[in-house]
Amino acid sequence: MGLSDQEWQQVLDIWGKVEPDLPAHGQEVIIRMFQSHPETMEHFGKFKHLKTLDEMKSSEELKKHGTTVLSALGRILKRKGHYEAELKPLAHSHATKHKIPIRHLEFISEVIVAVIADKYSVDFGADSQAAMRKALEMFRNDMASKYKELGFQG
């Protein structure tokens, strides 16, 4: 299930385009996830009061969280599958504190791919999208394994 060197290069090449504007991209990812999967908002007490798109767009806390999410993802992607040090605390907090179901990681993964595709359509063709999906699937599977170790059936 691992990625080839070429696939990792495709992932890192597009991530190099995403990374300079993590706050805007992160905000877009979180907003789209909330819009397309409103049930995900249940796990974000600090955002439950945000009812409209304008409220979401003007929330500095939401932008900050989106930046945090994509920063963590960037660190994980750059490790090319060798991310145990990053994965363990992330899985622990998501399983024991936040109780984030794996299904929600699937939702955000698809939103991440969609946002990148919208912003960088010329540079993020079918092969690059497939490589990113594969990297995100590997990450989700590894998170699910850690969840299981922690006794969380998310």
C-alpha atoms as a PDB file:
ATOM      1  CA  MET A   1       0.000   0.000   0.000  1.00  0.00           C
ATOM      2  CA  GLY A   2       3.026   2.266   0.266  1.00  0.00           C
ATOM      3  CA  LEU A   3       3.671   4.976  -2.274  1.00  0.00           C
ATOM      4  CA  SER A   4       6.369   4.790  -4.921  1.00  0.00           C
ATOM      5  CA  ASP A   5       9.132   7.394  -4.988  1.00  0.00           C
ATOM      6  CA  GLN A   6       7.364   9.037  -7.920  1.00  0.00           C
ATOM      7  CA  GLU A   7       4.061   9.186  -6.021  1.00  0.00           C
ATOM      8  CA  TRP A   8       5.747  10.710  -2.977  1.00  0.00           C
ATOM      9  CA  GLN A   9       7.371  13.284  -5.247  1.00  0.00           C
ATOM     10  CA  GLN A  10       3.971  14.190  -6.705  1.00  0.00           C
ATOM     11  CA  VAL A  11       2.557  14.599  -3.188  1.00  0.00           C
ATOM     12  CA  LEU A  12       5.463  16.743  -2.041  1.00  0.00           C
ATOM     13  CA  ASP A  13       5.497  18.833  -5.212  1.00  0.00           C
ATOM     14  CA  ILE A  14       1.870  19.864  -4.787  1.00  0.00           C
ATOM     15  CA  TRP A  15       2.314  20.305  -1.052  1.00  0.00           C
ATOM     16  CA  GLY A  16       5.086  22.771  -1.859  1.00  0.00           C
ATOM     17  CA  LYS A  17       2.466  24.899  -3.599  1.00  0.00           C
ATOM     18  CA  VAL A  18      -0.062  24.555  -0.761  1.00  0.00           C
ATOM     19  CA  GLU A  19       2.321  25.271   2.098  1.00  0.00           C
ATOM     20  CA  PRO A  20       3.012  28.982   1.517  1.00  0.00           C
ATOM     21  CA  ASP A  21      -0.644  29.804   2.292  1.00  0.00           C
ATOM     22  CA  LEU A  22      -1.670  27.298   4.953  1.00  0.00           C
ATOM     23  CA  PRO A  23      -3.989  29.729   6.784  1.00  0.00           C
ATOM     24  CA  ALA A  24      -6.187  30.361   3.721  1.00  0.00           C
ATOM     25  CA  HIS A  25      -6.129  26.741   2.563  1.00  0.00           C
ATOM     26  CA  GLY A  26      -6.715  25.403   6.076  1.00  0.00           C
ATOM     27  CA  GLN A  27      -9.659  27.734   6.576  1.00  0.00           C
ATOM     28  CA  GLU A  28     -11.135  26.627   3.242  1.00  0.00           C
ATOM     29  CA  VAL A  29     -10.715  22.941   4.166  1.00  0.00           C
ATOM     30  CA  ILE A  30     -12.449  23.300   7.535  1.00  0.00           C
ATOM     31  CA  ILE A  31     -15.289  25.406   6.124  1.00  0.00           C
ATOM     32  CA  ARG A  32     -15.911  22.977   3.263  1.00  0.00           C
ATOM     33  CA  MET A  33     -15.830  20.028   5.639  1.00  0.00           C
ATOM     34  CA  PHE A  34     -18.414  21.693   7.897  1.00  0.00           C
ATOM     35  CA  GLN A  35     -20.583  22.553   4.893  1.00  0.00           C
ATOM     36  CA  SER A  36     -20.439  19.147   3.215  1.00  0.00           C
ATOM     37  CA  HIS A  37     -20.491  17.124   6.454  1.00  0.00           C
ATOM     38  CA  PRO A  38     -22.237  19.228   9.130  1.00  0.00           C
ATOM     39  CA  GLU A  39     -22.065  16.325  11.581  1.00  0.00           C
ATOM     40  CA  THR A  40     -18.309  16.933  11.876  1.00  0.00           C
ATOM     41  CA  MET A  41     -19.009  20.213  13.661  1.00  0.00           C
ATOM     42  CA  GLU A  42     -20.255  18.208  16.690  1.00  0.00           C
ATOM     43  CA  HIS A  43     -16.620  17.572  17.598  1.00  0.00           C
ATOM     44  CA  PHE A  44     -15.702  21.251  17.568  1.00  0.00           C
ATOM     45  CA  GLY A  45     -17.395  22.934  20.511  1.00  0.00           C
ATOM     46  CA  LYS A  46     -15.585  26.194  19.858  1.00  0.00           C
ATOM     47  CA  PHE A  47     -17.089  26.438  16.356  1.00  0.00           C
ATOM     48  CA  LYS A  48     -20.697  25.380  17.050  1.00  0.00           C
ATOM     49  CA  HIS A  49     -21.805  29.000  17.260  1.00  0.00           C
ATOM     50  CA  LEU A  50     -20.667  29.631  13.665  1.00  0.00           C
ATOM     51  CA  LYS A  51     -23.878  29.267  11.663  1.00  0.00           C
ATOM     52  CA  THR A  52     -23.186  31.133   8.437  1.00  0.00           C
ATOM     53  CA  LEU A  53     -20.436  31.102   5.846  1.00  0.00           C
ATOM     54  CA  ASP A  54     -19.595  34.714   6.714  1.00  0.00           C
ATOM     55  CA  GLU A  55     -19.241  33.821  10.388  1.00  0.00           C
ATOM     56  CA  MET A  56     -16.927  30.931   9.482  1.00  0.00           C
ATOM     57  CA  LYS A  57     -14.842  33.077   7.148  1.00  0.00           C
ATOM     58  CA  SER A  58     -14.419  35.792   9.763  1.00  0.00           C
ATOM     59  CA  SER A  59     -13.444  33.405  12.570  1.00  0.00           C
ATOM     60  CA  GLU A  60      -9.769  33.706  13.433  1.00  0.00           C
ATOM     61  CA  GLU A  61     -10.084  30.574  15.605  1.00  0.00           C
ATOM     62  CA  LEU A  62     -11.319  28.551  12.633  1.00  0.00           C
ATOM     63  CA  LYS A  63      -8.486  29.869  10.459  1.00  0.00           C
ATOM     64  CA  LYS A  64      -6.000  29.030  13.212  1.00  0.00           C
ATOM     65  CA  HIS A  65      -7.359  25.487  13.509  1.00  0.00           C
ATOM     66  CA  GLY A  66      -7.192  24.991   9.744  1.00  0.00           C
ATOM     67  CA  THR A  67      -3.565  26.104   9.836  1.00  0.00           C
ATOM     68  CA  THR A  68      -2.853  23.647  12.650  1.00  0.00           C
ATOM     69  CA  VAL A  69      -4.480  20.781  10.723  1.00  0.00           C
ATOM     70  CA  LEU A  70      -2.586  21.433   7.496  1.00  0.00           C
ATOM     71  CA  SER A  71       0.704  22.092   9.325  1.00  0.00           C
ATOM     72  CA  ALA A  72       0.434  18.692  11.018  1.00  0.00           C
ATOM     73  CA  LEU A  73      -0.477  17.065   7.715  1.00  0.00           C
ATOM     74  CA  GLY A  74       2.505  18.689   6.035  1.00  0.00           C
ATOM     75  CA  ARG A  75       4.886  17.300   8.671  1.00  0.00           C
ATOM     76  CA  ILE A  76       3.350  13.852   8.170  1.00  0.00           C
ATOM     77  CA  LEU A  77       3.514  13.958   4.372  1.00  0.00           C
ATOM     78  CA  LYS A  78       7.158  15.054   4.412  1.00  0.00           C
ATOM     79  CA  ARG A  79       8.038  11.957   6.457  1.00  0.00           C
ATOM     80  CA  LYS A  80       6.910   9.783   3.507  1.00  0.00           C
ATOM     81  CA  GLY A  81       5.245   7.154   5.637  1.00  0.00           C
ATOM     82  CA  HIS A  82       7.874   7.210   8.397  1.00  0.00           C
ATOM     83  CA  TYR A  83       5.816   9.324  10.776  1.00  0.00           C
ATOM     84  CA  GLU A  84       5.447   7.275  13.959  1.00  0.00           C
ATOM     85  CA  ALA A  85       6.676  10.181  16.118  1.00  0.00           C
ATOM     86  CA  GLU A  86       4.036  12.494  14.674  1.00  0.00           C
ATOM     87  CA  LEU A  87       1.272   9.901  14.431  1.00  0.00           C
ATOM     88  CA  LYS A  88       1.281   8.593  17.990  1.00  0.00           C
ATOM     89  CA  PRO A  89       0.374  11.840  19.821  1.00  0.00           C
ATOM     90  CA  LEU A  90      -2.039  12.839  17.059  1.00  0.00           C
ATOM     91  CA  ALA A  91      -3.883   9.511  17.241  1.00  0.00           C
ATOM     92  CA  HIS A  92      -3.905   9.673  21.030  1.00  0.00           C
ATOM     93  CA  SER A  93      -5.482  13.140  21.151  1.00  0.00           C
ATOM     94  CA  HIS A  94      -7.969  12.385  18.364  1.00  0.00           C
ATOM     95  CA  ALA A  95      -9.014   9.075  19.952  1.00  0.00           C
ATOM     96  CA  THR A  96      -9.047   9.902  23.661  1.00  0.00           C
ATOM     97  CA  LYS A  97      -9.681  13.640  23.880  1.00  0.00           C
ATOM     98  CA  HIS A  98     -11.489  14.706  20.720  1.00  0.00           C
ATOM     99  CA  LYS A  99     -13.126  11.342  19.850  1.00  0.00           C
ATOM    100  CA  ILE A 100     -12.827  11.965  16.091  1.00  0.00           C
ATOM    101  CA  PRO A 101     -14.189   9.022  14.073  1.00  0.00           C
ATOM    102  CA  ILE A 102     -12.011   7.677  11.256  1.00  0.00           C
ATOM    103  CA  ARG A 103     -14.925   8.426   8.938  1.00  0.00           C
ATOM    104  CA  HIS A 104     -14.370  12.114   9.617  1.00  0.00           C
ATOM    105  CA  LEU A 105     -10.734  11.740   8.565  1.00  0.00           C
ATOM    106  CA  GLU A 106     -12.059  10.319   5.300  1.00  0.00           C
ATOM    107  CA  PHE A 107     -14.272  13.378   4.910  1.00  0.00           C
ATOM    108  CA  ILE A 108     -11.466  15.847   5.506  1.00  0.00           C
ATOM    109  CA  SER A 109      -9.141  13.897   3.203  1.00  0.00           C
ATOM    110  CA  GLU A 110     -11.560  14.259   0.309  1.00  0.00           C
ATOM    111  CA  VAL A 111     -12.048  17.940   1.097  1.00  0.00           C
ATOM    112  CA  ILE A 112      -8.274  18.475   1.136  1.00  0.00           C
ATOM    113  CA  VAL A 113      -7.981  16.888  -2.314  1.00  0.00           C
ATOM    114  CA  ALA A 114     -10.902  18.990  -3.597  1.00  0.00           C
ATOM    115  CA  VAL A 115      -9.464  22.257  -2.259  1.00  0.00           C
ATOM    116  CA  ILE A 116      -6.041  21.553  -3.773  1.00  0.00           C
ATOM    117  CA  ALA A 117      -7.664  20.567  -7.080  1.00  0.00           C
ATOM    118  CA  ASP A 118      -9.666  23.815  -7.134  1.00  0.00           C
ATOM    119  CA  LYS A 119      -6.688  26.005  -6.279  1.00  0.00           C
ATOM    120  CA  TYR A 120      -4.009  24.254  -8.361  1.00  0.00           C
ATOM    121  CA  SER A 121      -5.857  22.471 -11.161  1.00  0.00           C
ATOM    122  CA  VAL A 122      -2.971  22.801 -13.641  1.00  0.00           C
ATOM    123  CA  ASP A 123      -0.468  21.240 -11.219  1.00  0.00           C
ATOM    124  CA  PHE A 124      -2.761  18.701  -9.566  1.00  0.00           C
ATOM    125  CA  GLY A 125      -3.872  16.332 -12.297  1.00  0.00           C
ATOM    126  CA  ALA A 126      -5.316  12.854 -11.983  1.00  0.00           C
ATOM    127  CA  ASP A 127      -1.984  11.163 -11.164  1.00  0.00           C
ATOM    128  CA  SER A 128      -1.113  13.692  -8.465  1.00  0.00           C
ATOM    129  CA  GLN A 129      -4.608  13.464  -7.020  1.00  0.00           C
ATOM    130  CA  ALA A 130      -4.355   9.680  -6.929  1.00  0.00           C
ATOM    131  CA  ALA A 131      -0.991   9.910  -5.160  1.00  0.00           C
ATOM    132  CA  MET A 132      -2.376  12.353  -2.577  1.00  0.00           C
ATOM    133  CA  ARG A 133      -5.425  10.149  -1.980  1.00  0.00           C
ATOM    134  CA  LYS A 134      -3.130   7.166  -1.504  1.00  0.00           C
ATOM    135  CA  ALA A 135      -0.950   9.065   1.000  1.00  0.00           C
ATOM    136  CA  LEU A 136      -4.021  10.232   2.920  1.00  0.00           C
ATOM    137  CA  GLU A 137      -5.485   6.728   2.907  1.00  0.00           C
ATOM    138  CA  MET A 138      -2.245   5.325   4.310  1.00  0.00           C
ATOM    139  CA  PHE A 139      -2.334   7.967   7.047  1.00  0.00           C
ATOM    140  CA  ARG A 140      -5.983   7.162   7.888  1.00  0.00           C
ATOM    141  CA  ASN A 141      -5.261   3.434   8.015  1.00  0.00           C
ATOM    142  CA  ASP A 142      -2.346   4.064  10.365  1.00  0.00           C
ATOM    143  CA  MET A 143      -4.539   6.319  12.520  1.00  0.00           C
ATOM    144  CA  ALA A 144      -7.180   3.567  12.624  1.00  0.00           C
ATOM    145  CA  SER A 145      -4.543   1.061  13.795  1.00  0.00           C
ATOM    146  CA  LYS A 146      -3.468   3.432  16.558  1.00  0.00           C
ATOM    147  CA  TYR A 147      -7.103   4.010  17.515  1.00  0.00           C
ATOM    148  CA  LYS A 148      -7.530   0.253  17.864  1.00  0.00           C
ATOM    149  CA  GLU A 149      -4.435   0.037  20.093  1.00  0.00           C
ATOM    150  CA  LEU A 150      -6.001   2.740  22.281  1.00  0.00           C
ATOM    151  CA  GLY A 151      -9.326   0.895  22.439  1.00  0.00           C
ATOM    152  CA  PHE A 152     -11.181   3.567  20.451  1.00  0.00           C
ATOM    153  CA  GLN A 153     -13.497   2.186  17.813  1.00  0.00           C
ATOM    154  CA  GLY A 154     -13.860   5.524  16.017  1.00  0.00           C
END
